[in-house]
Amino acid sequence: MLNVSDIKNALKDRWVQVRALRGIIMQDFVSVQCEPVAPRLKPPSKYESLGRQLGTITSFLSDESWSTYTLAGIILFSLLFATGAALTRRPWCDEAWFASIGYNLDHHGFMGMTVLDPHGYIFHPNVEGIDRYTYWVMPGYLLMQAAWYKVVGLSLFSMRSISIFFGGVALLSWYVVVRWLTGDRSIALLTAFLLGTEQHFAFSAATGRMDMMCAALGLVAPALYIRLRQNFTLALFVASCVSAINLFTHPNAIFGVLAVAVIVLYFDRNRLSTRALLLAFCPFLLLGALWGLYGAQAPHFLVAQFQAQSRVPHRLELPWNPWKSFWQEIELRYG
């Protein structure tokens, strides 16, 4: 038989369970009502999306496993651009003059320019001896030309290919220098790309002049010093050898020499020694002595040719007015 008290207790327990369940549900409902409404996320702008994509690409390309391939691709792209320019640009007077000197050295044994009459130099009535001796430019590029023509022969493209080669050397050296200075592969790759795609760099790499060789050697010297600086004396000597060759390629090599000097004095001045300095000066003294022996063959021609070079308007001009220099850069280079 059912006991009334048992039924009463069962109903009471059931009611407690229902109240407890109702309390839990209400508490959850209230907590959900009290939660702040999550704001709607705005879709990223096209600039933010582009920035994220570029960041992803940069981090991917600057990865150590891909940085070598990326650098090789940058150099290849720049050299292809320079090669296209070298194959399509018409030759000009400087290329003919320098090619004549290399050709005569290869085939006739003297370093003279025979494609221009000594009276045909526009800034001087008579440049004595240019058909027999070359003192009005430094000999490094001319000797490089003569050696290159011995291997591949003389043509317009073979002459320009020297500059194309040194364009690649310049980009590789610049990457090494910037990566060492910043410690960041992505920055080094970016600067190499910007330099390699700059139009004047590419056109210099497509021109049969000594400019690109000078620029490349000016970057090779600090790059080699950086890679070899654990052995300070060896690093300084190798950088000095490259700088000396560069100085006898074009006077603008002084900027590369100063770059090496700044790096040495700022980072390694405590490692300087008399022995290291003497070894560093030896390449300059040796090449200077050889150049002096060549100049001694016709010193009157050397003086005459340097006097003719000094008549060129921009040779010895010192632009003390920076504002004037800025506008000259805009007008003459980009105008």
Protein backbone atom coordinates (compact mmCIF):
# COMPACT_ATOMS: atom_id res chain seq x y z
CA MET A 1 0.00 0.00 0.00
CA LEU A 2 1.10 3.45 -0.76
CA ASN A 3 1.95 5.58 2.17
CA VAL A 4 0.81 9.17 2.01
CA SER A 5 4.02 10.40 3.57
CA ASP A 6 6.10 8.56 0.96
CA ILE A 7 4.12 10.17 -1.86
CA LYS A 8 4.52 13.56 -0.20
CA ASN A 9 8.32 13.13 0.13
CA ALA A 10 8.67 11.99 -3.51
CA LEU A 11 6.72 15.00 -4.77
CA LYS A 12 8.82 17.29 -2.58
CA ASP A 13 12.09 15.86 -3.97
CA ARG A 14 10.79 16.25 -7.50
CA TRP A 15 9.83 19.83 -6.86
CA VAL A 16 13.31 20.62 -5.51
CA GLN A 17 14.89 19.13 -8.65
CA VAL A 18 12.64 21.19 -10.90
CA ARG A 19 13.41 24.39 -8.99
CA ALA A 20 17.13 23.68 -9.14
CA LEU A 21 16.99 23.03 -12.88
CA ARG A 22 14.95 26.20 -13.40
CA GLY A 23 17.51 28.21 -11.43
CA ILE A 24 20.38 26.93 -13.52
CA ILE A 25 18.56 27.76 -16.76
CA MET A 26 17.64 31.25 -15.56
CA GLN A 27 21.17 31.91 -14.38
CA ASP A 28 22.57 30.93 -17.76
CA PHE A 29 19.99 33.06 -19.50
CA VAL A 30 20.80 36.08 -17.35
CA SER A 31 24.54 35.61 -17.88
CA VAL A 32 24.05 35.46 -21.61
CA GLN A 33 21.96 38.62 -21.47
CA CYS A 34 24.68 40.39 -19.49
CA GLU A 35 27.51 39.46 -21.87
CA PRO A 36 28.59 42.37 -24.10
CA VAL A 37 27.69 42.05 -27.72
CA ALA A 38 30.82 41.31 -29.74
CA PRO A 39 31.49 44.14 -32.20
CA ARG A 40 31.37 43.31 -35.84
CA LEU A 41 34.86 43.08 -37.33
CA LYS A 42 35.42 45.52 -40.15
CA PRO A 43 36.82 43.96 -43.29
CA PRO A 44 40.46 45.00 -43.80
CA SER A 45 41.10 47.79 -46.28
CA LYS A 46 42.88 47.08 -49.52
CA TYR A 47 46.03 48.72 -48.17
CA GLU A 48 45.98 46.52 -45.06
CA SER A 49 45.42 43.45 -47.20
CA LEU A 50 48.25 44.46 -49.51
CA GLY A 51 50.52 45.09 -46.52
CA ARG A 52 49.76 41.67 -45.06
CA GLN A 53 50.40 39.99 -48.39
CA LEU A 54 53.68 41.84 -48.84
CA GLY A 55 54.67 40.96 -45.29
CA THR A 56 53.95 37.30 -45.96
CA ILE A 57 55.94 37.38 -49.19
CA THR A 58 58.84 39.22 -47.52
CA SER A 59 59.00 36.79 -44.60
CA PHE A 60 58.87 33.88 -47.03
CA LEU A 61 61.57 35.21 -49.31
CA SER A 62 63.82 36.32 -46.45
CA ASP A 63 63.78 32.86 -44.95
CA GLU A 64 67.30 31.48 -44.77
CA SER A 65 66.47 28.55 -47.02
CA TRP A 66 65.12 30.88 -49.72
CA SER A 67 67.30 34.00 -49.36
CA THR A 68 70.04 32.64 -51.62
CA TYR A 69 67.56 31.87 -54.39
CA THR A 70 65.88 35.23 -53.93
CA LEU A 71 69.20 37.07 -54.20
CA ALA A 72 70.11 35.06 -57.30
CA GLY A 73 66.75 35.95 -58.82
CA ILE A 74 67.25 39.66 -58.08
CA ILE A 75 70.71 39.66 -59.66
CA LEU A 76 69.49 37.69 -62.67
CA PHE A 77 66.56 40.07 -63.19
CA SER A 78 68.84 43.11 -63.05
CA LEU A 79 71.37 41.56 -65.42
CA LEU A 80 68.65 40.59 -67.88
CA PHE A 81 67.47 44.18 -67.86
CA ALA A 82 71.05 45.40 -68.43
CA THR A 83 71.57 42.81 -71.18
CA GLY A 84 68.47 44.01 -72.99
CA ALA A 85 69.75 47.57 -72.83
CA ALA A 86 73.21 46.46 -74.00
CA LEU A 87 71.73 44.73 -77.04
CA THR A 88 69.54 47.66 -78.07
CA ARG A 89 71.32 50.90 -77.17
CA ARG A 90 73.39 52.57 -79.84
CA PRO A 91 77.13 52.99 -79.16
CA TRP A 92 78.57 56.37 -78.29
CA CYS A 93 81.93 58.11 -78.43
CA ASP A 94 83.36 56.99 -75.06
CA GLU A 95 82.79 53.33 -75.92
CA ALA A 96 84.58 53.74 -79.26
CA TRP A 97 87.51 55.50 -77.62
CA PHE A 98 88.03 52.88 -74.92
CA ALA A 99 87.52 49.96 -77.30
CA SER A 100 90.19 51.43 -79.58
CA ILE A 101 92.72 51.44 -76.74
CA GLY A 102 92.03 47.82 -75.80
CA TYR A 103 92.14 46.74 -79.44
CA ASN A 104 95.49 48.44 -80.07
CA LEU A 105 96.97 46.93 -76.94
CA ASP A 106 95.88 43.44 -78.06
CA HIS A 107 96.87 43.67 -81.72
CA HIS A 108 99.62 46.29 -81.90
CA GLY A 109 101.19 46.29 -78.44
CA PHE A 110 100.67 49.94 -77.52
CA MET A 111 98.01 51.62 -75.41
CA GLY A 112 96.90 54.41 -77.71
CA MET A 113 93.58 55.66 -79.04
CA THR A 114 93.65 55.83 -82.83
CA VAL A 115 89.97 56.53 -83.60
CA LEU A 116 90.21 60.19 -82.58
CA ASP A 117 92.60 62.74 -84.01
CA PRO A 118 94.63 64.48 -81.27
CA HIS A 119 93.13 67.77 -82.50
CA GLY A 120 89.57 66.46 -82.25
CA TYR A 121 89.08 66.68 -78.49
CA ILE A 122 86.31 69.21 -77.95
CA PHE A 123 87.69 70.74 -74.75
CA HIS A 124 91.30 71.23 -75.87
CA PRO A 125 92.85 72.16 -79.23
CA ASN A 126 95.45 69.39 -79.14
CA VAL A 127 95.75 66.41 -76.81
CA GLU A 128 99.30 65.33 -77.49
CA GLY A 129 100.13 61.66 -77.81
CA ILE A 130 96.67 60.14 -77.34
CA ASP A 131 97.28 58.04 -80.46
CA ARG A 132 100.34 56.45 -78.82
CA TYR A 133 99.92 56.70 -75.03
CA THR A 134 96.91 56.83 -72.74
CA TYR A 135 97.37 58.96 -69.65
CA TRP A 136 94.06 60.81 -69.65
CA VAL A 137 92.25 57.84 -68.07
CA MET A 138 93.50 55.28 -65.58
CA PRO A 139 94.68 51.94 -66.99
CA GLY A 140 92.73 49.37 -64.94
CA TYR A 141 89.66 49.16 -67.16
CA LEU A 142 91.74 49.31 -70.33
CA LEU A 143 93.86 46.34 -69.24
CA MET A 144 90.71 44.46 -68.28
CA GLN A 145 89.31 45.12 -71.75
CA ALA A 146 92.43 43.87 -73.48
CA ALA A 147 92.44 40.64 -71.45
CA TRP A 148 88.71 40.11 -72.07
CA TYR A 149 89.05 40.65 -75.83
CA LYS A 150 91.79 38.03 -75.92
CA VAL A 151 89.26 35.51 -74.61
CA VAL A 152 85.98 36.42 -76.33
CA GLY A 153 87.01 38.80 -79.11
CA LEU A 154 86.01 42.42 -79.69
CA SER A 155 82.42 43.37 -80.34
CA LEU A 156 80.01 45.93 -78.99
CA PHE A 157 78.31 43.39 -76.74
CA SER A 158 81.56 41.80 -75.53
CA MET A 159 82.76 45.25 -74.49
CA ARG A 160 79.50 45.94 -72.65
CA SER A 161 79.43 42.48 -71.09
CA ILE A 162 82.31 43.54 -68.82
CA SER A 163 80.01 46.09 -67.21
CA ILE A 164 77.16 43.56 -67.06
CA PHE A 165 79.41 41.16 -65.14
CA PHE A 166 80.51 43.84 -62.69
CA GLY A 167 76.87 44.83 -62.20
CA GLY A 168 76.22 41.39 -60.74
CA VAL A 169 79.35 41.67 -58.59
CA ALA A 170 78.17 45.03 -57.27
CA LEU A 171 74.75 43.68 -56.26
CA LEU A 172 76.22 40.65 -54.48
CA SER A 173 78.73 42.82 -52.62
CA TRP A 174 76.07 45.34 -51.65
CA TYR A 175 73.91 42.55 -50.22
CA VAL A 176 76.83 41.34 -48.10
CA VAL A 177 77.56 44.84 -46.76
CA VAL A 178 73.93 45.71 -45.92
CA ARG A 179 73.22 42.34 -44.32
CA TRP A 180 76.27 42.74 -42.10
CA LEU A 181 75.35 46.31 -41.13
CA THR A 182 71.68 45.59 -40.40
CA GLY A 183 71.68 41.90 -39.55
CA ASP A 184 68.45 41.58 -41.54
CA ARG A 185 68.19 39.50 -44.73
CA SER A 186 64.96 41.12 -45.85
CA ILE A 187 66.45 44.62 -45.70
CA ALA A 188 69.55 43.45 -47.58
CA LEU A 189 67.40 41.81 -50.26
CA LEU A 190 65.23 44.91 -50.57
CA THR A 191 68.23 47.22 -51.01
CA ALA A 192 69.76 44.88 -53.59
CA PHE A 193 66.47 44.88 -55.50
CA LEU A 194 66.16 48.67 -55.39
CA LEU A 195 69.74 49.13 -56.55
CA GLY A 196 69.50 46.51 -59.28
CA THR A 197 66.34 48.00 -60.77
CA GLU A 198 67.44 51.64 -60.61
CA GLN A 199 67.67 52.86 -64.20
CA HIS A 200 71.09 54.52 -63.99
CA PHE A 201 72.59 51.43 -62.39
CA ALA A 202 71.13 49.22 -65.13
CA PHE A 203 72.26 51.55 -67.93
CA SER A 204 75.76 51.80 -66.43
CA ALA A 205 75.85 48.01 -66.44
CA ALA A 206 75.01 48.15 -70.15
CA THR A 207 77.66 50.69 -71.12
CA GLY A 208 81.24 50.05 -72.21
CA ARG A 209 82.83 52.35 -69.67
CA MET A 210 84.71 51.85 -66.42
CA ASP A 211 81.94 53.24 -64.20
CA MET A 212 80.37 49.91 -63.23
CA MET A 213 83.75 48.25 -62.70
CA CYS A 214 84.70 51.10 -60.37
CA ALA A 215 81.41 50.92 -58.48
CA ALA A 216 81.63 47.13 -58.12
CA LEU A 217 85.21 47.12 -56.85
CA GLY A 218 84.29 49.92 -54.46
CA LEU A 219 81.74 47.53 -52.91
CA VAL A 220 83.86 44.38 -53.21
CA ALA A 221 86.56 45.88 -50.97
CA PRO A 222 84.34 46.39 -47.86
CA ALA A 223 82.46 43.15 -48.56
CA LEU A 224 85.69 41.13 -48.56
CA TYR A 225 86.92 42.95 -45.47
CA ILE A 226 83.68 42.09 -43.68
CA ARG A 227 83.89 38.40 -44.61
CA LEU A 228 87.58 38.11 -43.65
CA ARG A 229 87.76 40.44 -40.64
CA GLN A 230 88.34 37.59 -38.16
CA ASN A 231 91.88 37.68 -39.54
CA PHE A 232 92.31 41.45 -39.42
CA THR A 233 95.65 41.73 -41.22
CA LEU A 234 94.55 39.50 -44.09
CA ALA A 235 91.20 41.28 -44.38
CA LEU A 236 92.83 44.71 -44.54
CA PHE A 237 95.41 43.56 -47.08
CA VAL A 238 92.82 41.99 -49.40
CA ALA A 239 90.59 45.06 -49.20
CA SER A 240 93.60 47.24 -49.97
CA CYS A 241 94.50 45.16 -53.02
CA VAL A 242 90.99 45.57 -54.43
CA SER A 243 90.95 49.28 -53.56
CA ALA A 244 94.31 49.83 -55.23
CA ILE A 245 93.13 48.18 -58.45
CA ASN A 246 90.01 50.29 -58.25
CA LEU A 247 91.95 53.51 -57.73
CA PHE A 248 93.86 52.80 -60.96
CA THR A 249 90.53 52.18 -62.70
CA HIS A 250 88.83 55.50 -61.94
CA PRO A 251 89.48 58.34 -59.45
CA ASN A 252 86.00 57.85 -57.96
CA ALA A 253 87.45 54.78 -56.27
CA ILE A 254 88.37 57.16 -53.46
CA PHE A 255 84.82 56.71 -52.14
CA GLY A 256 85.34 52.96 -51.82
CA VAL A 257 88.65 53.55 -50.06
CA LEU A 258 86.94 55.89 -47.61
CA ALA A 259 84.20 53.31 -46.99
CA VAL A 260 86.78 50.70 -45.98
CA ALA A 261 88.61 53.25 -43.83
CA VAL A 262 85.40 54.18 -41.99
CA ILE A 263 84.54 50.53 -41.29
CA VAL A 264 88.07 49.81 -40.04
CA LEU A 265 88.26 52.89 -37.81
CA TYR A 266 84.77 52.47 -36.36
CA PHE A 267 84.75 48.72 -35.70
CA ASP A 268 88.39 47.59 -35.58
CA ARG A 269 90.56 50.57 -34.66
CA ASN A 270 91.86 48.68 -31.61
CA ARG A 271 93.26 46.00 -33.93
CA LEU A 272 95.35 48.38 -36.05
CA SER A 273 99.07 47.74 -36.08
CA THR A 274 102.10 49.06 -37.92
CA ARG A 275 102.50 45.76 -39.78
CA ALA A 276 98.88 45.76 -40.95
CA LEU A 277 99.09 49.36 -42.16
CA LEU A 278 102.33 48.77 -44.06
CA LEU A 279 100.84 45.74 -45.78
CA ALA A 280 97.75 47.77 -46.65
CA PHE A 281 99.83 50.46 -48.37
CA CYS A 282 101.90 47.98 -50.39
CA PRO A 283 99.35 47.42 -53.22
CA PHE A 284 99.00 51.18 -53.73
CA LEU A 285 102.76 51.63 -53.82
CA LEU A 286 103.26 48.74 -56.25
CA LEU A 287 100.60 49.85 -58.73
CA GLY A 288 101.70 53.46 -58.35
CA ALA A 289 105.27 52.44 -59.23
CA LEU A 290 104.11 50.54 -62.32
CA TRP A 291 101.98 53.48 -63.43
CA GLY A 292 104.95 55.78 -62.82
CA LEU A 293 107.15 53.62 -65.06
CA TYR A 294 104.57 53.87 -67.82
CA GLY A 295 104.28 57.63 -67.32
CA ALA A 296 108.05 58.02 -67.46
CA GLN A 297 108.02 56.81 -71.08
CA ALA A 298 106.47 60.10 -72.22
CA PRO A 299 106.11 62.54 -69.30
CA HIS A 300 105.35 65.50 -71.60
CA PHE A 301 102.36 63.59 -73.01
CA LEU A 302 101.22 62.80 -69.47
CA VAL A 303 101.23 66.49 -68.53
CA ALA A 304 99.49 67.51 -71.76
CA GLN A 305 96.73 64.92 -71.38
CA PHE A 306 96.06 65.81 -67.76
CA GLN A 307 95.88 69.48 -68.73
CA ALA A 308 93.32 68.59 -71.41
CA GLN A 309 91.28 66.62 -68.90
CA SER A 310 91.27 69.54 -66.49
CA ARG A 311 89.51 71.64 -69.17
CA VAL A 312 86.42 69.41 -69.04
CA PRO A 313 83.85 71.57 -67.19
CA HIS A 314 82.78 69.07 -64.50
CA ARG A 315 86.19 67.48 -63.83
CA LEU A 316 87.56 69.80 -61.14
CA GLU A 317 84.38 71.68 -60.28
CA LEU A 318 83.58 71.72 -56.57
CA PRO A 319 79.87 72.43 -56.05
CA TRP A 320 79.88 74.27 -52.72
CA ASN A 321 76.25 75.34 -53.13
CA PRO A 322 74.09 72.31 -52.23
CA TRP A 323 70.89 73.91 -53.58
CA LYS A 324 72.56 74.49 -56.96
CA SER A 325 73.88 70.93 -56.96
CA PHE A 326 70.41 69.58 -56.25
CA TRP A 327 68.86 71.39 -59.21
CA GLN A 328 71.77 70.41 -61.47
CA GLU A 329 71.09 66.78 -60.55
CA ILE A 330 67.43 67.19 -61.49
CA GLU A 331 68.14 69.04 -64.75
CA LEU A 332 71.16 67.14 -66.05
CA ARG A 333 70.39 63.62 -64.84
CA TYR A 334 66.59 63.41 -64.86
CA GLY A 335 65.61 66.25 -67.19
